[in-house]
Amino acid sequence: MSLKILLKAVEKDGKIDLWLSDNEGNIGVDDLRSVGGRGQKVKWKLAKDSNINKILNIYKKEDSEEVFSVKPHKVTDKKWKGVIDKDVEGDEAYNIDFEYKDGSKVSIDPVISVPPKD
């Protein structure tokens, strides 16, 4: 089963936040922590009425290990997918860059947590 992450941007007091949720029941604002398995597919999708024009990029955070063996890539402007590496474990942050409905670019850094091997 794929890890599916839903994205929705919300503006509050002039700041754009990204509300994220996944099919594991995790919810977060700007800092979702999703639990994924080795070799698991990850799919990111914009929620209905997401206030996001498009996902611009999903990539490794500079000070984190690479969590993806198949780097996240665009399927459409509203859908991306990647695969968690089979050798990674622990908590690894990554970046999501997106274009808000007003054209401004926003970047957030959620986390994928991969439990240690048995």
PDB file of N, CA and C in Angstrom:
ATOM      1  N   MET A   1       0.839  -1.181   0.000  1.00  0.00           N
ATOM      2  CA  MET A   1       0.000   0.000   0.000  1.00  0.00           C
ATOM      3  C   MET A   1       0.886   1.248   0.000  1.00  0.00           C
ATOM      4  N   SER A   2       0.506   2.215  -0.780  1.00  0.00           N
ATOM      5  CA  SER A   2       1.250   3.472  -0.878  1.00  0.00           C
ATOM      6  C   SER A   2       0.961   4.372   0.312  1.00  0.00           C
ATOM      7  N   LEU A   3       1.948   5.201   0.654  1.00  0.00           N
ATOM      8  CA  LEU A   3       1.752   6.279   1.611  1.00  0.00           C
ATOM      9  C   LEU A   3       1.240   7.453   0.805  1.00  0.00           C
ATOM     10  N   LYS A   4       0.037   7.938   1.122  1.00  0.00           N
ATOM     11  CA  LYS A   4      -0.571   9.029   0.373  1.00  0.00           C
ATOM     12  C   LYS A   4      -0.635  10.257   1.262  1.00  0.00           C
ATOM     13  N   ILE A   5      -0.093  11.368   0.758  1.00  0.00           N
ATOM     14  CA  ILE A   5      -0.042  12.613   1.510  1.00  0.00           C
ATOM     15  C   ILE A   5      -0.834  13.682   0.762  1.00  0.00           C
ATOM     16  N   LEU A   6      -1.785  14.283   1.462  1.00  0.00           N
ATOM     17  CA  LEU A   6      -2.672  15.294   0.895  1.00  0.00           C
ATOM     18  C   LEU A   6      -2.209  16.673   1.361  1.00  0.00           C
ATOM     19  N   LEU A   7      -2.190  17.655   0.457  1.00  0.00           N
ATOM     20  CA  LEU A   7      -1.704  19.001   0.762  1.00  0.00           C
ATOM     21  C   LEU A   7      -2.790  20.043   0.533  1.00  0.00           C
ATOM     22  N   LYS A   8      -2.847  21.018   1.441  1.00  0.00           N
ATOM     23  CA  LYS A   8      -3.771  22.143   1.305  1.00  0.00           C
ATOM     24  C   LYS A   8      -3.136  23.372   1.955  1.00  0.00           C
ATOM     25  N   ALA A   9      -3.088  24.483   1.238  1.00  0.00           N
ATOM     26  CA  ALA A   9      -2.514  25.724   1.767  1.00  0.00           C
ATOM     27  C   ALA A   9      -3.614  26.591   2.365  1.00  0.00           C
ATOM     28  N   VAL A  10      -3.286  27.213   3.513  1.00  0.00           N
ATOM     29  CA  VAL A  10      -4.229  28.085   4.189  1.00  0.00           C
ATOM     30  C   VAL A  10      -3.481  29.344   4.616  1.00  0.00           C
ATOM     31  N   GLU A  11      -4.065  30.501   4.327  1.00  0.00           N
ATOM     32  CA  GLU A  11      -3.452  31.765   4.726  1.00  0.00           C
ATOM     33  C   GLU A  11      -4.109  32.260   6.003  1.00  0.00           C
ATOM     34  N   LYS A  12      -3.269  32.566   6.997  1.00  0.00           N
ATOM     35  CA  LYS A  12      -3.778  33.070   8.280  1.00  0.00           C
ATOM     36  C   LYS A  12      -2.864  34.193   8.747  1.00  0.00           C
ATOM     37  N   ASP A  13      -3.425  35.339   9.013  1.00  0.00           N
ATOM     38  CA  ASP A  13      -2.664  36.504   9.470  1.00  0.00           C
ATOM     39  C   ASP A  13      -1.497  36.824   8.540  1.00  0.00           C
ATOM     40  N   GLY A  14      -1.715  36.690   7.230  1.00  0.00           N
ATOM     41  CA  GLY A  14      -0.701  37.014   6.242  1.00  0.00           C
ATOM     42  C   GLY A  14       0.363  35.946   6.028  1.00  0.00           C
ATOM     43  N   LYS A  15       0.302  34.837   6.757  1.00  0.00           N
ATOM     44  CA  LYS A  15       1.277  33.750   6.613  1.00  0.00           C
ATOM     45  C   LYS A  15       0.603  32.560   5.938  1.00  0.00           C
ATOM     46  N   ILE A  16       1.295  31.948   4.995  1.00  0.00           N
ATOM     47  CA  ILE A  16       0.759  30.783   4.296  1.00  0.00           C
ATOM     48  C   ILE A  16       1.276  29.532   4.985  1.00  0.00           C
ATOM     49  N   ASP A  17       0.356  28.722   5.489  1.00  0.00           N
ATOM     50  CA  ASP A  17       0.688  27.448   6.112  1.00  0.00           C
ATOM     51  C   ASP A  17       0.247  26.322   5.202  1.00  0.00           C
ATOM     52  N   LEU A  18       0.919  25.185   5.320  1.00  0.00           N
ATOM     53  CA  LEU A  18       0.541  24.010   4.550  1.00  0.00           C
ATOM     54  C   LEU A  18      -0.027  22.970   5.498  1.00  0.00           C
ATOM     55  N   TRP A  19      -1.283  22.628   5.292  1.00  0.00           N
ATOM     56  CA  TRP A  19      -1.931  21.583   6.072  1.00  0.00           C
ATOM     57  C   TRP A  19      -1.709  20.283   5.330  1.00  0.00           C
ATOM     58  N   LEU A  20      -1.172  19.290   6.033  1.00  0.00           N
ATOM     59  CA  LEU A  20      -0.878  17.997   5.434  1.00  0.00           C
ATOM     60  C   LEU A  20      -1.590  16.891   6.205  1.00  0.00           C
ATOM     61  N   SER A  21      -1.994  15.873   5.504  1.00  0.00           N
ATOM     62  CA  SER A  21      -2.546  14.688   6.147  1.00  0.00           C
ATOM     63  C   SER A  21      -2.146  13.483   5.313  1.00  0.00           C
ATOM     64  N   ASP A  22      -2.101  12.312   5.958  1.00  0.00           N
ATOM     65  CA  ASP A  22      -1.771  11.110   5.200  1.00  0.00           C
ATOM     66  C   ASP A  22      -2.786  10.012   5.483  1.00  0.00           C
ATOM     67  N   ASN A  23      -2.698   8.946   4.714  1.00  0.00           N
ATOM     68  CA  ASN A  23      -3.655   7.856   4.851  1.00  0.00           C
ATOM     69  C   ASN A  23      -3.378   6.977   6.071  1.00  0.00           C
ATOM     70  N   GLU A  24      -2.392   7.360   6.886  1.00  0.00           N
ATOM     71  CA  GLU A  24      -2.111   6.663   8.147  1.00  0.00           C
ATOM     72  C   GLU A  24      -2.785   7.393   9.311  1.00  0.00           C
ATOM     73  N   GLY A  25      -3.496   8.489   9.036  1.00  0.00           N
ATOM     74  CA  GLY A  25      -4.200   9.237  10.065  1.00  0.00           C
ATOM     75  C   GLY A  25      -3.391  10.368  10.684  1.00  0.00           C
ATOM     76  N   ASN A  26      -2.192  10.635  10.167  1.00  0.00           N
ATOM     77  CA  ASN A  26      -1.355  11.720  10.681  1.00  0.00           C
ATOM     78  C   ASN A  26      -1.774  13.038  10.041  1.00  0.00           C
ATOM     79  N   ILE A  27      -1.793  14.097  10.852  1.00  0.00           N
ATOM     80  CA  ILE A  27      -2.163  15.428  10.386  1.00  0.00           C
ATOM     81  C   ILE A  27      -1.145  16.411  10.950  1.00  0.00           C
ATOM     82  N   GLY A  28      -0.766  17.405  10.165  1.00  0.00           N
ATOM     83  CA  GLY A  28       0.163  18.417  10.644  1.00  0.00           C
ATOM     84  C   GLY A  28       0.052  19.695   9.846  1.00  0.00           C
ATOM     85  N   VAL A  29       0.516  20.779  10.450  1.00  0.00           N
ATOM     86  CA  VAL A  29       0.587  22.069   9.768  1.00  0.00           C
ATOM     87  C   VAL A  29       2.067  22.387   9.596  1.00  0.00           C
ATOM     88  N   ASP A  30       2.533  22.384   8.372  1.00  0.00           N
ATOM     89  CA  ASP A  30       3.921  22.658   7.981  1.00  0.00           C
ATOM     90  C   ASP A  30       4.914  21.573   8.401  1.00  0.00           C
ATOM     91  N   ASP A  31       4.552  20.682   9.314  1.00  0.00           N
ATOM     92  CA  ASP A  31       5.546  19.727   9.802  1.00  0.00           C
ATOM     93  C   ASP A  31       4.987  18.312  10.010  1.00  0.00           C
ATOM     94  N   LEU A  32       4.293  17.805   9.043  1.00  0.00           N
ATOM     95  CA  LEU A  32       3.745  16.454   9.131  1.00  0.00           C
ATOM     96  C   LEU A  32       4.852  15.420   9.301  1.00  0.00           C
ATOM     97  N   ARG A  33       4.628  14.462  10.193  1.00  0.00           N
ATOM     98  CA  ARG A  33       5.538  13.326  10.368  1.00  0.00           C
ATOM     99  C   ARG A  33       4.775  12.083   9.930  1.00  0.00           C
ATOM    100  N   SER A  34       5.117  11.572   8.749  1.00  0.00           N
ATOM    101  CA  SER A  34       4.491  10.361   8.221  1.00  0.00           C
ATOM    102  C   SER A  34       5.408   9.178   8.468  1.00  0.00           C
ATOM    103  N   VAL A  35       4.819   8.042   8.789  1.00  0.00           N
ATOM    104  CA  VAL A  35       5.591   6.821   8.970  1.00  0.00           C
ATOM    105  C   VAL A  35       5.504   6.021   7.677  1.00  0.00           C
ATOM    106  N   GLY A  36       6.680   5.716   7.113  1.00  0.00           N
ATOM    107  CA  GLY A  36       6.734   4.974   5.859  1.00  0.00           C
ATOM    108  C   GLY A  36       7.579   3.727   6.009  1.00  0.00           C
ATOM    109  N   GLY A  37       7.405   2.814   5.092  1.00  0.00           N
ATOM    110  CA  GLY A  37       8.175   1.578   5.101  1.00  0.00           C
ATOM    111  C   GLY A  37       9.219   1.562   4.008  1.00  0.00           C
ATOM    112  N   ARG A  38      10.227   0.757   4.192  1.00  0.00           N
ATOM    113  CA  ARG A  38      11.284   0.621   3.178  1.00  0.00           C
ATOM    114  C   ARG A  38      10.690   0.130   1.860  1.00  0.00           C
ATOM    115  N   GLY A  39      11.051   0.819   0.792  1.00  0.00           N
ATOM    116  CA  GLY A  39      10.575   0.443  -0.536  1.00  0.00           C
ATOM    117  C   GLY A  39       9.141   0.856  -0.817  1.00  0.00           C
ATOM    118  N   GLN A  40       8.511   1.567   0.112  1.00  0.00           N
ATOM    119  CA  GLN A  40       7.117   1.970  -0.059  1.00  0.00           C
ATOM    120  C   GLN A  40       6.997   3.151  -1.016  1.00  0.00           C
ATOM    121  N   LYS A  41       5.985   3.110  -1.855  1.00  0.00           N
ATOM    122  CA  LYS A  41       5.680   4.231  -2.739  1.00  0.00           C
ATOM    123  C   LYS A  41       5.041   5.342  -1.919  1.00  0.00           C
ATOM    124  N   VAL A  42       5.388   6.586  -2.262  1.00  0.00           N
ATOM    125  CA  VAL A  42       4.793   7.765  -1.630  1.00  0.00           C
ATOM    126  C   VAL A  42       4.146   8.592  -2.725  1.00  0.00           C
ATOM    127  N   LYS A  43       2.913   9.009  -2.481  1.00  0.00           N
ATOM    128  CA  LYS A  43       2.190   9.833  -3.442  1.00  0.00           C
ATOM    129  C   LYS A  43       1.723  11.101  -2.743  1.00  0.00           C
ATOM    130  N   TRP A  44       2.032  12.246  -3.336  1.00  0.00           N
ATOM    131  CA  TRP A  44       1.583  13.535  -2.836  1.00  0.00           C
ATOM    132  C   TRP A  44       0.514  14.049  -3.790  1.00  0.00           C
ATOM    133  N   LYS A  45      -0.569  14.588  -3.224  1.00  0.00           N
ATOM    134  CA  LYS A  45      -1.678  15.050  -4.048  1.00  0.00           C
ATOM    135  C   LYS A  45      -2.280  16.298  -3.413  1.00  0.00           C
ATOM    136  N   LEU A  46      -2.683  17.236  -4.243  1.00  0.00           N
ATOM    137  CA  LEU A  46      -3.350  18.433  -3.747  1.00  0.00           C
ATOM    138  C   LEU A  46      -4.791  18.102  -3.377  1.00  0.00           C
ATOM    139  N   ALA A  47      -5.223  18.602  -2.232  1.00  0.00           N
ATOM    140  CA  ALA A  47      -6.605  18.420  -1.797  1.00  0.00           C
ATOM    141  C   ALA A  47      -7.532  19.237  -2.688  1.00  0.00           C
ATOM    142  N   LYS A  48      -8.796  18.865  -2.687  1.00  0.00           N
ATOM    143  CA  LYS A  48      -9.794  19.649  -3.393  1.00  0.00           C
ATOM    144  C   LYS A  48      -9.804  21.033  -2.748  1.00  0.00           C
ATOM    145  N   ASP A  49      -9.891  22.088  -3.527  1.00  0.00           N
ATOM    146  CA  ASP A  49      -9.835  23.458  -3.008  1.00  0.00           C
ATOM    147  C   ASP A  49      -8.570  23.683  -2.183  1.00  0.00           C
ATOM    148  N   SER A  50      -7.430  23.238  -2.705  1.00  0.00           N
ATOM    149  CA  SER A  50      -6.157  23.278  -1.974  1.00  0.00           C
ATOM    150  C   SER A  50      -5.543  24.674  -1.870  1.00  0.00           C
ATOM    151  N   ASN A  51      -5.986  25.607  -2.697  1.00  0.00           N
ATOM    152  CA  ASN A  51      -5.391  26.949  -2.778  1.00  0.00           C
ATOM    153  C   ASN A  51      -3.957  26.916  -3.311  1.00  0.00           C
ATOM    154  N   ILE A  52      -3.574  25.809  -3.916  1.00  0.00           N
ATOM    155  CA  ILE A  52      -2.232  25.643  -4.479  1.00  0.00           C
ATOM    156  C   ILE A  52      -2.360  25.492  -5.993  1.00  0.00           C
ATOM    157  N   ASN A  53      -1.586  26.292  -6.737  1.00  0.00           N
ATOM    158  CA  ASN A  53      -1.600  26.161  -8.194  1.00  0.00           C
ATOM    159  C   ASN A  53      -0.907  24.888  -8.637  1.00  0.00           C
ATOM    160  N   LYS A  54       0.259  24.609  -8.021  1.00  0.00           N
ATOM    161  CA  LYS A  54       1.001  23.415  -8.399  1.00  0.00           C
ATOM    162  C   LYS A  54       2.119  23.140  -7.404  1.00  0.00           C
ATOM    163  N   ILE A  55       2.516  21.885  -7.349  1.00  0.00           N
ATOM    164  CA  ILE A  55       3.700  21.483  -6.599  1.00  0.00           C
ATOM    165  C   ILE A  55       4.885  21.771  -7.507  1.00  0.00           C
ATOM    166  N   LEU A  56       5.869  22.496  -6.997  1.00  0.00           N
ATOM    167  CA  LEU A  56       7.031  22.878  -7.807  1.00  0.00           C
ATOM    168  C   LEU A  56       8.160  21.848  -7.704  1.00  0.00           C
ATOM    169  N   ASN A  57       8.385  21.324  -6.493  1.00  0.00           N
ATOM    170  CA  ASN A  57       9.488  20.387  -6.303  1.00  0.00           C
ATOM    171  C   ASN A  57       9.327  19.691  -4.953  1.00  0.00           C
ATOM    172  N   ILE A  58       9.797  18.450  -4.880  1.00  0.00           N
ATOM    173  CA  ILE A  58       9.890  17.692  -3.636  1.00  0.00           C
ATOM    174  C   ILE A  58      11.284  17.087  -3.648  1.00  0.00           C
ATOM    175  N   TYR A  59      12.081  17.385  -2.606  1.00  0.00           N
ATOM    176  CA  TYR A  59      13.486  16.991  -2.654  1.00  0.00           C
ATOM    177  C   TYR A  59      14.079  16.895  -1.247  1.00  0.00           C
ATOM    178  N   LYS A  60      15.245  16.288  -1.167  1.00  0.00           N
ATOM    179  CA  LYS A  60      15.976  16.063   0.071  1.00  0.00           C
ATOM    180  C   LYS A  60      16.318  17.385   0.744  1.00  0.00           C
ATOM    181  N   LYS A  61      16.107  17.446   2.049  1.00  0.00           N
ATOM    182  CA  LYS A  61      16.532  18.616   2.820  1.00  0.00           C
ATOM    183  C   LYS A  61      18.045  18.571   2.958  1.00  0.00           C
ATOM    184  N   GLU A  62      18.681  19.712   2.884  1.00  0.00           N
ATOM    185  CA  GLU A  62      20.142  19.802   2.822  1.00  0.00           C
ATOM    186  C   GLU A  62      20.856  19.020   3.927  1.00  0.00           C
ATOM    187  N   ASP A  63      20.370  19.079   5.153  1.00  0.00           N
ATOM    188  CA  ASP A  63      21.072  18.426   6.255  1.00  0.00           C
ATOM    189  C   ASP A  63      20.501  17.048   6.626  1.00  0.00           C
ATOM    190  N   SER A  64      19.733  16.444   5.738  1.00  0.00           N
ATOM    191  CA  SER A  64      19.156  15.123   5.974  1.00  0.00           C
ATOM    192  C   SER A  64      19.754  14.098   5.023  1.00  0.00           C
ATOM    193  N   GLU A  65      19.601  12.836   5.386  1.00  0.00           N
ATOM    194  CA  GLU A  65      19.977  11.740   4.488  1.00  0.00           C
ATOM    195  C   GLU A  65      18.918  11.647   3.395  1.00  0.00           C
ATOM    196  N   GLU A  66      19.304  11.077   2.269  1.00  0.00           N
ATOM    197  CA  GLU A  66      18.334  10.871   1.177  1.00  0.00           C
ATOM    198  C   GLU A  66      17.374   9.760   1.584  1.00  0.00           C
ATOM    199  N   VAL A  67      16.109  10.070   1.683  1.00  0.00           N
ATOM    200  CA  VAL A  67      15.106   9.098   2.098  1.00  0.00           C
ATOM    201  C   VAL A  67      14.502   8.359   0.899  1.00  0.00           C
ATOM    202  N   PHE A  68      14.697   8.882  -0.299  1.00  0.00           N
ATOM    203  CA  PHE A  68      14.051   8.313  -1.480  1.00  0.00           C
ATOM    204  C   PHE A  68      15.047   7.612  -2.401  1.00  0.00           C
ATOM    205  N   SER A  69      14.713   6.364  -2.795  1.00  0.00           N
ATOM    206  CA  SER A  69      15.523   5.674  -3.800  1.00  0.00           C
ATOM    207  C   SER A  69      15.068   6.089  -5.194  1.00  0.00           C
ATOM    208  N   VAL A  70      13.779   6.319  -5.353  1.00  0.00           N
ATOM    209  CA  VAL A  70      13.241   6.921  -6.574  1.00  0.00           C
ATOM    210  C   VAL A  70      12.832   8.321  -6.166  1.00  0.00           C
ATOM    211  N   LYS A  71      13.594   9.297  -6.637  1.00  0.00           N
ATOM    212  CA  LYS A  71      13.354  10.684  -6.238  1.00  0.00           C
ATOM    213  C   LYS A  71      11.928  11.101  -6.612  1.00  0.00           C
ATOM    214  N   PRO A  72      11.304  11.895  -5.746  1.00  0.00           N
ATOM    215  CA  PRO A  72       9.964  12.384  -6.073  1.00  0.00           C
ATOM    216  C   PRO A  72       9.968  13.095  -7.423  1.00  0.00           C
ATOM    217  N   HIS A  73       8.957  12.792  -8.197  1.00  0.00           N
ATOM    218  CA  HIS A  73       8.862  13.391  -9.524  1.00  0.00           C
ATOM    219  C   HIS A  73       7.397  13.690  -9.855  1.00  0.00           C
ATOM    220  N   LYS A  74       7.252  14.634 -10.741  1.00  0.00           N
ATOM    221  CA  LYS A  74       5.931  15.124 -11.128  1.00  0.00           C
ATOM    222  C   LYS A  74       5.207  14.112 -11.996  1.00  0.00           C
ATOM    223  N   VAL A  75       3.962  13.838 -11.632  1.00  0.00           N
ATOM    224  CA  VAL A  75       3.044  13.070 -12.473  1.00  0.00           C
ATOM    225  C   VAL A  75       2.176  14.087 -13.223  1.00  0.00           C
ATOM    226  N   THR A  76       1.629  15.040 -12.455  1.00  0.00           N
ATOM    227  CA  THR A  76       0.912  16.200 -12.996  1.00  0.00           C
ATOM    228  C   THR A  76       1.286  17.377 -12.089  1.00  0.00           C
ATOM    229  N   ASP A  77       0.781  18.578 -12.371  1.00  0.00           N
ATOM    230  CA  ASP A  77       1.044  19.727 -11.497  1.00  0.00           C
ATOM    231  C   ASP A  77       0.496  19.490 -10.091  1.00  0.00           C
ATOM    232  N   LYS A  78      -0.485  18.587  -9.975  1.00  0.00           N
ATOM    233  CA  LYS A  78      -1.151  18.354  -8.695  1.00  0.00           C
ATOM    234  C   LYS A  78      -0.815  17.016  -8.058  1.00  0.00           C
ATOM    235  N   LYS A  79       0.002  16.208  -8.707  1.00  0.00           N
ATOM    236  CA  LYS A  79       0.356  14.890  -8.177  1.00  0.00           C
ATOM    237  C   LYS A  79       1.837  14.605  -8.401  1.00  0.00           C
ATOM    238  N   TRP A  80       2.504  14.101  -7.360  1.00  0.00           N
ATOM    239  CA  TRP A  80       3.899  13.687  -7.439  1.00  0.00           C
ATOM    240  C   TRP A  80       4.016  12.309  -6.809  1.00  0.00           C
ATOM    241  N   LYS A  81       5.072  11.575  -7.146  1.00  0.00           N
ATOM    242  CA  LYS A  81       5.302  10.285  -6.502  1.00  0.00           C
ATOM    243  C   LYS A  81       6.790   9.991  -6.394  1.00  0.00           C
ATOM    244  N   GLY A  82       7.137   9.119  -5.447  1.00  0.00           N
ATOM    245  CA  GLY A  82       8.514   8.695  -5.210  1.00  0.00           C
ATOM    246  C   GLY A  82       8.484   7.372  -4.462  1.00  0.00           C
ATOM    247  N   VAL A  83       9.674   6.841  -4.125  1.00  0.00           N
ATOM    248  CA  VAL A  83       9.778   5.571  -3.406  1.00  0.00           C
ATOM    249  C   VAL A  83      10.794   5.726  -2.281  1.00  0.00           C
ATOM    250  N   ILE A  84      10.417   5.281  -1.076  1.00  0.00           N
ATOM    251  CA  ILE A  84      11.322   5.320   0.076  1.00  0.00           C
ATOM    252  C   ILE A  84      12.432   4.297  -0.131  1.00  0.00           C
ATOM    253  N   ASP A  85      13.665   4.701   0.160  1.00  0.00           N
ATOM    254  CA  ASP A  85      14.833   3.830   0.011  1.00  0.00           C
ATOM    255  C   ASP A  85      14.722   2.607   0.929  1.00  0.00           C
ATOM    256  N   LYS A  86      15.234   1.475   0.470  1.00  0.00           N
ATOM    257  CA  LYS A  86      15.161   0.227   1.249  1.00  0.00           C
ATOM    258  C   LYS A  86      16.161   0.190   2.394  1.00  0.00           C
ATOM    259  N   ASP A  87      17.155   1.081   2.399  1.00  0.00           N
ATOM    260  CA  ASP A  87      18.192   1.055   3.432  1.00  0.00           C
ATOM    261  C   ASP A  87      18.079   2.179   4.456  1.00  0.00           C
ATOM    262  N   VAL A  88      17.122   3.057   4.314  1.00  0.00           N
ATOM    263  CA  VAL A  88      17.008   4.205   5.215  1.00  0.00           C
ATOM    264  C   VAL A  88      16.256   3.810   6.489  1.00  0.00           C
ATOM    265  N   GLU A  89      16.587   4.468   7.588  1.00  0.00           N
ATOM    266  CA  GLU A  89      15.798   4.337   8.807  1.00  0.00           C
ATOM    267  C   GLU A  89      15.930   5.613   9.620  1.00  0.00           C
ATOM    268  N   GLY A  90      14.953   5.853  10.471  1.00  0.00           N
ATOM    269  CA  GLY A  90      14.958   7.063  11.282  1.00  0.00           C
ATOM    270  C   GLY A  90      14.085   8.144  10.684  1.00  0.00           C
ATOM    271  N   ASP A  91      14.237   9.352  11.212  1.00  0.00           N
ATOM    272  CA  ASP A  91      13.453  10.501  10.775  1.00  0.00           C
ATOM    273  C   ASP A  91      14.264  11.329   9.794  1.00  0.00           C
ATOM    274  N   GLU A  92      13.728  11.541   8.611  1.00  0.00           N
ATOM    275  CA  GLU A  92      14.409  12.336   7.595  1.00  0.00           C
ATOM    276  C   GLU A  92      13.468  13.412   7.059  1.00  0.00           C
ATOM    277  N   ALA A  93      13.937  14.652   7.108  1.00  0.00           N
ATOM    278  CA  ALA A  93      13.163  15.775   6.586  1.00  0.00           C
ATOM    279  C   ALA A  93      13.408  15.897   5.079  1.00  0.00           C
ATOM    280  N   TYR A  94      12.418  16.414   4.407  1.00  0.00           N
ATOM    281  CA  TYR A  94      12.536  16.708   2.983  1.00  0.00           C
ATOM    282  C   TYR A  94      11.766  17.986   2.724  1.00  0.00           C
ATOM    283  N   ASN A  95      11.956  18.595   1.576  1.00  0.00           N
ATOM    284  CA  ASN A  95      11.306  19.862   1.245  1.00  0.00           C
ATOM    285  C   ASN A  95      10.187  19.659   0.232  1.00  0.00           C
ATOM    286  N   ILE A  96       9.141  20.423   0.410  1.00  0.00           N
ATOM    287  CA  ILE A  96       8.082  20.543  -0.599  1.00  0.00           C
ATOM    288  C   ILE A  96       7.991  22.022  -0.956  1.00  0.00           C
ATOM    289  N   ASP A  97       8.223  22.345  -2.216  1.00  0.00           N
ATOM    290  CA  ASP A  97       8.045  23.707  -2.716  1.00  0.00           C
ATOM    291  C   ASP A  97       6.753  23.724  -3.530  1.00  0.00           C
ATOM    292  N   PHE A  98       5.924  24.735  -3.280  1.00  0.00           N
ATOM    293  CA  PHE A  98       4.681  24.825  -4.049  1.00  0.00           C
ATOM    294  C   PHE A  98       4.370  26.277  -4.372  1.00  0.00           C
ATOM    295  N   GLU A  99       3.495  26.453  -5.344  1.00  0.00           N
ATOM    296  CA  GLU A  99       3.042  27.783  -5.746  1.00  0.00           C
ATOM    297  C   GLU A  99       1.641  28.003  -5.195  1.00  0.00           C
ATOM    298  N   TYR A 100       1.526  29.002  -4.309  1.00  0.00           N
ATOM    299  CA  TYR A 100       0.240  29.352  -3.714  1.00  0.00           C
ATOM    300  C   TYR A 100      -0.656  29.965  -4.790  1.00  0.00           C
ATOM    301  N   LYS A 101      -1.950  30.015  -4.528  1.00  0.00           N
ATOM    302  CA  LYS A 101      -2.911  30.499  -5.528  1.00  0.00           C
ATOM    303  C   LYS A 101      -2.627  31.916  -6.016  1.00  0.00           C
ATOM    304  N   ASP A 102      -1.934  32.747  -5.201  1.00  0.00           N
ATOM    305  CA  ASP A 102      -1.615  34.111  -5.629  1.00  0.00           C
ATOM    306  C   ASP A 102      -0.295  34.183  -6.404  1.00  0.00           C
ATOM    307  N   GLY A 103       0.332  33.032  -6.644  1.00  0.00           N
ATOM    308  CA  GLY A 103       1.583  32.983  -7.406  1.00  0.00           C
ATOM    309  C   GLY A 103       2.833  32.982  -6.544  1.00  0.00           C
ATOM    310  N   SER A 104       2.702  33.218  -5.234  1.00  0.00           N
ATOM    311  CA  SER A 104       3.890  33.213  -4.370  1.00  0.00           C
ATOM    312  C   SER A 104       4.384  31.780  -4.162  1.00  0.00           C
ATOM    313  N   LYS A 105       5.703  31.660  -3.984  1.00  0.00           N
ATOM    314  CA  LYS A 105       6.322  30.349  -3.794  1.00  0.00           C
ATOM    315  C   LYS A 105       6.562  30.122  -2.301  1.00  0.00           C
ATOM    316  N   VAL A 106       6.217  28.915  -1.835  1.00  0.00           N
ATOM    317  CA  VAL A 106       6.328  28.560  -0.423  1.00  0.00           C
ATOM    318  C   VAL A 106       7.080  27.235  -0.314  1.00  0.00           C
ATOM    319  N   SER A 107       7.910  27.097   0.720  1.00  0.00           N
ATOM    320  CA  SER A 107       8.654  25.861   0.958  1.00  0.00           C
ATOM    321  C   SER A 107       8.430  25.414   2.402  1.00  0.00           C
ATOM    322  N   ILE A 108       8.144  24.136   2.600  1.00  0.00           N
ATOM    323  CA  ILE A 108       8.008  23.570   3.948  1.00  0.00           C
ATOM    324  C   ILE A 108       8.830  22.280   4.005  1.00  0.00           C
ATOM    325  N   ASP A 109       9.059  21.785   5.230  1.00  0.00           N
ATOM    326  CA  ASP A 109       9.904  20.589   5.367  1.00  0.00           C
ATOM    327  C   ASP A 109       9.293  19.557   6.316  1.00  0.00           C
ATOM    328  N   PRO A 110       8.397  18.720   5.784  1.00  0.00           N
ATOM    329  CA  PRO A 110       7.841  17.642   6.589  1.00  0.00           C
ATOM    330  C   PRO A 110       8.879  16.527   6.798  1.00  0.00           C
ATOM    331  N   VAL A 111       8.494  15.485   7.530  1.00  0.00           N
ATOM    332  CA  VAL A 111       9.409  14.389   7.865  1.00  0.00           C
ATOM    333  C   VAL A 111       8.780  13.054   7.496  1.00  0.00           C
ATOM    334  N   ILE A 112       9.605  12.157   6.995  1.00  0.00           N
ATOM    335  CA  ILE A 112       9.211  10.752   6.848  1.00  0.00           C
ATOM    336  C   ILE A 112      10.005   9.974   7.878  1.00  0.00           C
ATOM    337  N   SER A 113       9.305   9.200   8.694  1.00  0.00           N
ATOM    338  CA  SER A 113       9.922   8.389   9.727  1.00  0.00           C
ATOM    339  C   SER A 113       9.869   6.926   9.289  1.00  0.00           C
ATOM    340  N   VAL A 114      11.042   6.282   9.225  1.00  0.00           N
ATOM    341  CA  VAL A 114      11.113   4.883   8.831  1.00  0.00           C
ATOM    342  C   VAL A 114      11.622   4.092  10.046  1.00  0.00           C
ATOM    343  N   PRO A 115      10.790   3.184  10.583  1.00  0.00           N
ATOM    344  CA  PRO A 115      11.200   2.415  11.754  1.00  0.00           C
ATOM    345  C   PRO A 115      12.443   1.574  11.474  1.00  0.00           C
ATOM    346  N   PRO A 116      13.229   1.275  12.535  1.00  0.00           N
ATOM    347  CA  PRO A 116      14.429   0.441  12.350  1.00  0.00           C
ATOM    348  C   PRO A 116      14.059  -0.966  11.892  1.00  0.00           C
ATOM    349  N   LYS A 117      15.019  -1.620  11.251  1.00  0.00           N
ATOM    350  CA  LYS A 117      14.804  -3.010  10.820  1.00  0.00           C
ATOM    351  C   LYS A 117      14.646  -3.892  12.040  1.00  0.00           C
ATOM    352  N   ASP A 118      13.848  -4.938  11.896  1.00  0.00           N
ATOM    353  CA  ASP A 118      13.657  -5.894  13.005  1.00  0.00           C
ATOM    354  C   ASP A 118      14.929  -6.634  13.332  1.00  0.00           C
TER     355      ASP A 118
END
